[in-house]
Amino acid sequence: MSNDALVSPRVLALLASFQAIDAAICVQPIPYVAKCLDDVHYPQQNRWIFAPIKGASGIGLLGGIRFPWLAKLTLVMLTVYFTLAVAAHARARDIGLNAFSASSLLATYGTLATKALAAKSS
């Protein structure tokens, strides 16, 4: 890891892969994802937005290996995204595996964003 890297390139690449797979799953949501969105009452006509958001986040994380400012921005935006996801689960009283998954990802991205924001800017 170079001195100006905010987060390990391996970690960013792994998370980028995860986001890319998640984006692919959201193009034509698999039944599990569709049920999760149904459970939080997310409108059917707006579900198309998830694939581009998740795809862009994967690109941002991957690009963050070369450009630390992009990693920082992407991590902060993923923290916002998963904050909204956890809030949607809480509002719908969908407290279970889906809420746990969203909460875990919020903790992961929130921790990495905090680390990145605390790092000295280069």
Protein backbone atom coordinates (compact mmCIF):
# COMPACT_ATOMS: atom_id res chain seq x y z
CA MET A 1 0.00 0.00 0.00
CA SER A 2 1.45 3.36 -0.97
CA ASN A 3 1.76 6.18 1.51
CA ASP A 4 -1.04 8.17 -0.13
CA ALA A 5 -3.52 5.29 -0.23
CA LEU A 6 -6.39 5.86 2.17
CA VAL A 7 -7.54 2.24 2.14
CA SER A 8 -5.72 -0.91 1.04
CA PRO A 9 -5.95 -1.44 -2.74
CA ARG A 10 -6.90 -5.07 -2.07
CA VAL A 11 -9.79 -3.99 0.13
CA LEU A 12 -10.97 -1.48 -2.48
CA ALA A 13 -10.74 -4.11 -5.24
CA LEU A 14 -12.68 -6.64 -3.16
CA LEU A 15 -15.40 -4.12 -2.32
CA ALA A 16 -15.53 -2.98 -5.96
CA SER A 17 -16.09 -6.60 -7.01
CA PHE A 18 -18.86 -6.94 -4.45
CA GLN A 19 -20.55 -3.77 -5.71
CA ALA A 20 -20.24 -4.92 -9.35
CA ILE A 21 -21.86 -8.27 -8.56
CA ASP A 22 -24.59 -6.49 -6.60
CA ALA A 23 -25.17 -4.16 -9.57
CA ALA A 24 -25.51 -7.13 -11.92
CA ILE A 25 -28.01 -8.75 -9.56
CA CYS A 26 -30.05 -5.52 -9.58
CA VAL A 27 -30.34 -5.27 -13.38
CA GLN A 28 -33.10 -7.89 -13.29
CA PRO A 29 -33.47 -8.45 -9.55
CA ILE A 30 -33.31 -12.03 -8.38
CA PRO A 31 -36.33 -13.05 -6.26
CA TYR A 32 -34.47 -12.51 -2.97
CA VAL A 33 -33.60 -8.89 -3.89
CA ALA A 34 -37.10 -8.22 -5.22
CA LYS A 35 -38.61 -9.53 -1.96
CA CYS A 36 -36.25 -7.36 0.08
CA LEU A 37 -37.35 -4.27 -1.87
CA ASP A 38 -40.99 -5.34 -1.50
CA ASP A 39 -40.49 -5.70 2.27
CA VAL A 40 -39.33 -2.08 2.59
CA HIS A 41 -42.10 -0.93 0.21
CA TYR A 42 -39.69 0.47 -2.38
CA PRO A 43 -41.68 1.48 -5.50
CA GLN A 44 -41.38 -0.92 -8.44
CA GLN A 45 -41.00 1.91 -10.98
CA ASN A 46 -37.93 3.32 -9.20
CA ARG A 47 -35.96 0.10 -8.80
CA TRP A 48 -34.02 0.63 -12.01
CA ILE A 49 -31.82 3.14 -10.17
CA PHE A 50 -30.01 0.53 -8.06
CA ALA A 51 -27.96 -1.05 -10.86
CA PRO A 52 -26.38 2.25 -12.01
CA ILE A 53 -25.76 3.41 -8.43
CA LYS A 54 -24.07 0.16 -7.47
CA GLY A 55 -22.16 0.00 -10.75
CA ALA A 56 -20.89 3.55 -10.27
CA SER A 57 -19.84 2.74 -6.72
CA GLY A 58 -17.85 -0.24 -7.99
CA ILE A 59 -16.12 1.96 -10.55
CA GLY A 60 -15.48 4.59 -7.87
CA LEU A 61 -13.93 2.07 -5.49
CA LEU A 62 -11.75 0.61 -8.23
CA GLY A 63 -10.71 4.08 -9.40
CA GLY A 64 -9.97 4.94 -5.78
CA ILE A 65 -6.96 2.65 -5.93
CA ARG A 66 -5.30 5.20 -8.25
CA PHE A 67 -7.08 8.34 -7.05
CA PRO A 68 -7.47 8.46 -3.24
CA TRP A 69 -9.92 11.38 -3.42
CA LEU A 70 -12.26 9.15 -5.46
CA ALA A 71 -12.04 6.38 -2.86
CA LYS A 72 -12.89 8.92 -0.16
CA LEU A 73 -15.89 10.29 -2.08
CA THR A 74 -17.18 6.82 -2.95
CA LEU A 75 -16.85 5.55 0.62
CA VAL A 76 -18.74 8.57 1.96
CA MET A 77 -21.50 8.14 -0.62
CA LEU A 78 -21.79 4.41 0.14
CA THR A 79 -22.12 5.32 3.82
CA VAL A 80 -25.00 7.64 2.92
CA TYR A 81 -26.57 4.94 0.72
CA PHE A 82 -26.47 2.30 3.44
CA THR A 83 -27.69 4.78 6.07
CA LEU A 84 -30.77 5.25 3.89
CA ALA A 85 -31.08 1.47 3.43
CA VAL A 86 -30.96 0.84 7.19
CA ALA A 87 -33.50 3.62 7.72
CA ALA A 88 -35.82 2.03 5.13
CA HIS A 89 -35.62 -1.31 6.93
CA ALA A 90 -36.28 0.35 10.29
CA ARG A 91 -39.21 2.36 8.93
CA ALA A 92 -40.76 -0.78 7.46
CA ARG A 93 -40.04 -2.69 10.67
CA ASP A 94 -38.10 -5.18 8.56
CA ILE A 95 -35.65 -6.11 11.27
CA GLY A 96 -34.03 -9.36 10.24
CA LEU A 97 -31.35 -10.70 7.93
CA ASN A 98 -31.85 -7.93 5.35
CA ALA A 99 -31.53 -5.19 7.96
CA PHE A 100 -28.51 -6.97 9.43
CA SER A 101 -26.84 -7.09 6.00
CA ALA A 102 -27.49 -3.41 5.38
CA SER A 103 -26.26 -2.56 8.88
CA SER A 104 -23.09 -4.59 8.37
CA LEU A 105 -22.35 -2.82 5.10
CA LEU A 106 -23.08 0.53 6.75
CA ALA A 107 -20.57 -0.31 9.49
CA THR A 108 -17.98 -1.41 6.91
CA TYR A 109 -18.30 1.59 4.62
CA GLY A 110 -18.76 4.00 7.52
CA THR A 111 -15.57 2.78 9.18
CA LEU A 112 -13.59 3.02 5.94
CA ALA A 113 -15.03 6.47 5.16
CA THR A 114 -14.12 7.68 8.65
CA LYS A 115 -10.60 6.32 8.19
CA ALA A 116 -10.33 8.01 4.80
CA LEU A 117 -11.65 11.35 6.07
CA ALA A 118 -9.30 11.24 9.04
CA ALA A 119 -6.28 10.57 6.80
CA LYS A 120 -4.07 13.49 5.97
CA SER A 121 -4.98 14.87 2.53
CA SER A 122 -2.19 14.73 0.00
